[in-house]
Amino acid sequence: MRKMLAGLAVCAALVPAAGSAQDLSEQELLELFLAQRDAYKAAVEGKTSLTRGLTLVTAEDVEIATEVATEPTAPSTPTPEGTEVAAVEPVEAPRTDTVVSENATATLVKMPADLGVNIRIEFAFDSAALDDAQKPKLQKLCNVMRAADIQLFRIIGHTDASGSDDYNERLSRLRAEEVQRYFVGDCGIDPGRLEAVGLGERFLLEDYDPDSDQNRRVEFQALS
């Protein structure tokens, strides 16, 4: 069953009434993200009348991945003994490393349908590598993220209910991390504005059909 899951795509249609992710303009996506941020802030502050149906839930054993910048280092070049060598500035390009925080519990966001931003991203069998053919689907979101005055986006991988819980969560996190790396490396998004989470089958989009391909998706949330 695990192998069966690995071969399936992470997929979903954007669920707001406004239309699919491909149909929405950058301005409409920006407005959705701003509405998410406002609703999240209201939920955190306990202003339930302003949450627009967004709810905060507690989940156990959730791993959150963040990209952190690492300092470049100068290359080490052997020189003849006794030779004076001038100081060399670091020439290596800045890099980022993925840091995964293991939390006993984490506060997560369950978005109502009219605020959700879920997009279909397909992966190869048993792989979390992002194929070049899938990258244009993320470009519009990339443009919105670059232009938006939003400090933190969360990228969430979801699966259907096939396979074991542990396998689903690991695969969903690895795929969310791959999208995260694309935004940092290809789009130039500040790594401090992104975090990746894999929730496996915890939040099914279509809970009446746990194995539906609509449950295999990548979700985007604006938190602050």
Protein backbone atom coordinates (compact mmCIF):
# COMPACT_ATOMS: atom_id res chain seq x y z
CA MET A 1 0.00 0.00 0.00
CA ARG A 2 2.93 2.33 0.69
CA LYS A 3 4.25 1.87 -2.84
CA MET A 4 0.79 2.58 -4.20
CA LEU A 5 0.67 5.87 -2.30
CA ALA A 6 4.11 6.93 -3.43
CA GLY A 7 3.11 6.68 -7.06
CA LEU A 8 0.11 8.93 -6.65
CA ALA A 9 0.22 12.63 -7.34
CA VAL A 10 -0.28 15.33 -4.75
CA CYS A 11 -3.28 17.04 -6.27
CA ALA A 12 -6.29 19.19 -5.71
CA ALA A 13 -8.21 21.98 -7.29
CA LEU A 14 -8.23 25.38 -5.65
CA VAL A 15 -11.43 25.32 -3.69
CA PRO A 16 -12.58 28.93 -3.18
CA ALA A 17 -15.78 29.84 -4.97
CA ALA A 18 -13.79 32.28 -7.08
CA GLY A 19 -12.36 29.48 -9.21
CA SER A 20 -9.31 27.30 -9.67
CA ALA A 21 -5.72 28.37 -8.96
CA GLN A 22 -5.02 28.62 -12.67
CA ASP A 23 -8.12 30.78 -13.20
CA LEU A 24 -7.45 33.28 -10.43
CA SER A 25 -5.45 36.40 -11.18
CA GLU A 26 -2.46 37.43 -9.10
CA GLN A 27 -4.59 40.16 -7.54
CA GLU A 28 -7.27 37.64 -6.55
CA LEU A 29 -4.66 35.33 -5.02
CA LEU A 30 -3.17 38.25 -3.12
CA GLU A 31 -6.60 39.13 -1.73
CA LEU A 32 -7.06 35.51 -0.61
CA PHE A 33 -3.72 35.51 1.18
CA LEU A 34 -4.49 38.81 2.90
CA ALA A 35 -7.87 37.45 4.00
CA GLN A 36 -6.13 34.33 5.36
CA ARG A 37 -3.68 36.46 7.32
CA ASP A 38 -6.43 38.62 8.80
CA ALA A 39 -8.53 35.59 9.74
CA TYR A 40 -5.52 33.86 11.33
CA LYS A 41 -4.69 36.96 13.37
CA ALA A 42 -8.31 37.18 14.54
CA ALA A 43 -8.28 33.50 15.56
CA VAL A 44 -5.05 33.92 17.53
CA GLU A 45 -6.48 36.97 19.28
CA GLY A 46 -9.76 35.17 20.03
CA LYS A 47 -11.88 37.45 17.85
CA THR A 48 -14.09 34.64 16.60
CA SER A 49 -16.48 36.96 14.77
CA LEU A 50 -13.69 37.91 12.37
CA THR A 51 -12.17 34.49 11.63
CA ARG A 52 -14.39 33.79 8.59
CA GLY A 53 -14.58 30.12 9.59
CA LEU A 54 -10.82 29.62 10.08
CA THR A 55 -10.07 27.43 13.10
CA LEU A 56 -6.92 26.63 15.07
CA VAL A 57 -6.33 22.99 15.89
CA THR A 58 -3.64 21.18 17.88
CA ALA A 59 -1.79 18.30 16.26
CA GLU A 60 0.80 16.04 17.86
CA ASP A 61 4.22 15.01 16.50
CA VAL A 62 4.30 17.53 13.68
CA GLU A 63 7.58 18.34 11.95
CA ILE A 64 8.06 21.85 10.55
CA ALA A 65 10.86 22.48 8.06
CA THR A 66 12.45 25.89 7.59
CA GLU A 67 15.17 27.07 5.23
CA VAL A 68 18.01 28.96 6.91
CA ALA A 69 20.84 30.85 5.26
CA THR A 70 24.35 29.51 5.82
CA GLU A 71 27.49 31.60 5.74
CA PRO A 72 29.65 31.17 2.62
CA THR A 73 33.21 30.02 3.20
CA ALA A 74 36.37 30.74 1.26
CA PRO A 75 37.83 27.81 -0.65
CA SER A 76 40.89 26.20 0.87
CA THR A 77 43.83 26.35 -1.56
CA PRO A 78 47.19 24.78 -0.70
CA THR A 79 50.18 27.13 -1.03
CA PRO A 80 53.91 26.53 -0.89
CA GLU A 81 55.38 26.74 2.60
CA GLY A 82 56.64 30.22 3.46
CA THR A 83 54.55 31.97 0.80
CA GLU A 84 52.61 35.02 1.98
CA VAL A 85 48.98 34.82 0.91
CA ALA A 86 46.62 37.80 0.77
CA ALA A 87 43.25 37.51 2.47
CA VAL A 88 40.59 36.18 0.14
CA GLU A 89 36.96 37.18 0.40
CA PRO A 90 34.42 34.33 0.39
CA VAL A 91 33.43 33.52 -3.17
CA GLU A 92 30.92 30.77 -2.64
CA ALA A 93 27.32 31.76 -3.33
CA PRO A 94 25.00 31.98 -0.31
CA ARG A 95 23.28 28.71 0.48
CA THR A 96 20.35 27.53 2.54
CA ASP A 97 20.00 24.42 4.61
CA THR A 98 16.79 22.74 5.69
CA VAL A 99 16.22 22.53 9.43
CA VAL A 100 13.43 20.28 10.66
CA SER A 101 11.94 21.03 14.07
CA GLU A 102 10.21 18.10 15.72
CA ASN A 103 7.35 19.32 17.88
CA ALA A 104 5.39 17.27 20.38
CA THR A 105 2.42 19.46 19.51
CA ALA A 106 1.85 22.26 17.01
CA THR A 107 -0.93 24.74 16.39
CA LEU A 108 -2.20 24.32 12.85
CA VAL A 109 -4.72 26.18 10.75
CA LYS A 110 -7.79 24.63 9.19
CA MET A 111 -8.95 26.93 6.41
CA PRO A 112 -12.58 27.19 5.30
CA ALA A 113 -13.23 26.38 1.66
CA ASP A 114 -13.51 30.01 0.58
CA LEU A 115 -10.05 30.86 1.95
CA GLY A 116 -8.13 27.75 0.95
CA VAL A 117 -5.32 27.84 -1.60
CA ASN A 118 -4.68 24.26 -2.70
CA ILE A 119 -2.88 23.47 -5.93
CA ARG A 120 -2.28 20.27 -7.89
CA ILE A 121 1.39 19.31 -8.05
CA GLU A 122 2.34 15.97 -9.60
CA PHE A 123 5.34 13.92 -8.47
CA ALA A 124 6.95 10.82 -9.96
CA PHE A 125 6.61 7.38 -8.40
CA ASP A 126 8.07 7.27 -4.88
CA SER A 127 9.69 10.68 -5.40
CA ALA A 128 9.60 14.12 -3.84
CA ALA A 129 11.52 15.74 -6.71
CA LEU A 130 9.70 18.63 -8.37
CA ASP A 131 9.58 18.10 -12.12
CA ASP A 132 10.25 21.09 -14.37
CA ALA A 133 6.83 20.64 -15.96
CA GLN A 134 5.19 21.45 -12.61
CA LYS A 135 7.07 24.69 -11.96
CA PRO A 136 4.87 26.97 -14.11
CA LYS A 137 1.98 26.12 -11.78
CA LEU A 138 3.91 27.73 -8.93
CA GLN A 139 5.09 30.82 -10.81
CA LYS A 140 1.94 32.83 -10.22
CA LEU A 141 2.11 32.10 -6.49
CA CYS A 142 5.77 33.06 -6.58
CA ASN A 143 4.94 36.46 -8.08
CA VAL A 144 2.27 37.06 -5.43
CA MET A 145 4.60 36.07 -2.58
CA ARG A 146 7.33 38.41 -3.83
CA ALA A 147 4.94 41.35 -4.06
CA ALA A 148 2.92 40.72 -0.89
CA ASP A 149 3.61 42.38 2.45
CA ILE A 150 3.22 39.02 4.21
CA GLN A 151 5.90 37.86 6.62
CA LEU A 152 5.24 34.12 6.83
CA PHE A 153 3.76 31.59 4.42
CA ARG A 154 3.20 27.97 5.38
CA ILE A 155 3.44 25.26 2.70
CA ILE A 156 1.53 22.12 3.66
CA GLY A 157 1.68 18.73 2.00
CA HIS A 158 -1.40 16.51 2.22
CA THR A 159 -2.11 12.90 1.18
CA ASP A 160 -5.15 10.69 1.01
CA ALA A 161 -5.81 7.98 3.61
CA SER A 162 -3.96 5.19 1.79
CA GLY A 163 -0.78 3.87 3.41
CA SER A 164 0.46 4.21 6.97
CA ASP A 165 0.27 7.44 8.95
CA ASP A 166 4.05 7.70 9.30
CA TYR A 167 4.67 7.14 5.59
CA ASN A 168 1.99 9.64 4.56
CA GLU A 169 3.33 12.37 6.80
CA ARG A 170 6.95 11.89 5.77
CA LEU A 171 6.14 11.89 2.05
CA SER A 172 3.86 14.91 2.36
CA ARG A 173 6.55 16.85 4.25
CA LEU A 174 9.28 15.99 1.73
CA ARG A 175 7.07 17.22 -1.10
CA ALA A 176 6.20 20.42 0.76
CA GLU A 177 9.94 20.96 1.33
CA GLU A 178 10.60 20.54 -2.39
CA VAL A 179 8.08 23.29 -3.18
CA GLN A 180 9.69 25.40 -0.46
CA ARG A 181 13.13 24.96 -2.04
CA TYR A 182 11.73 26.01 -5.42
CA PHE A 183 10.37 29.25 -3.97
CA VAL A 184 13.73 30.01 -2.33
CA GLY A 185 16.08 28.88 -5.10
CA ASP A 186 14.14 29.68 -8.27
CA CYS A 187 11.89 32.53 -7.13
CA GLY A 188 14.19 34.29 -4.70
CA ILE A 189 11.76 34.25 -1.77
CA ASP A 190 13.46 35.01 1.54
CA PRO A 191 13.76 31.62 3.30
CA GLY A 192 12.68 33.25 6.55
CA ARG A 193 9.23 33.80 5.05
CA LEU A 194 8.55 30.12 4.41
CA GLU A 195 7.98 26.98 6.41
CA ALA A 196 6.99 23.52 5.20
CA VAL A 197 4.76 21.03 7.01
CA GLY A 198 3.64 17.53 6.11
CA LEU A 199 0.26 16.57 7.53
CA GLY A 200 -0.34 13.34 5.62
CA GLU A 201 -4.00 12.43 5.93
CA ARG A 202 -4.84 14.55 8.98
CA PHE A 203 -6.96 17.12 7.12
CA LEU A 204 -8.84 15.46 4.28
CA LEU A 205 -10.37 17.84 1.78
CA GLU A 206 -13.02 15.21 0.96
CA ASP A 207 -13.48 13.24 4.17
CA TYR A 208 -16.45 11.36 2.73
CA ASP A 209 -14.00 9.70 0.33
CA PRO A 210 -10.69 9.31 2.23
CA ASP A 211 -8.87 7.79 -0.77
CA SER A 212 -9.96 10.51 -3.22
CA ASP A 213 -7.20 12.07 -5.29
CA GLN A 214 -8.60 15.45 -4.22
CA ASN A 215 -7.03 14.81 -0.82
CA ARG A 216 -3.52 14.67 -2.33
CA ARG A 217 -2.52 18.30 -2.56
CA VAL A 218 -0.17 21.12 -1.54
CA GLU A 219 -1.77 23.93 0.45
CA PHE A 220 -0.54 27.49 0.95
CA GLN A 221 -1.37 29.63 3.96
CA ALA A 222 -0.47 33.22 4.89
CA LEU A 223 0.03 33.43 8.65
CA SER A 224 1.48 36.85 9.35
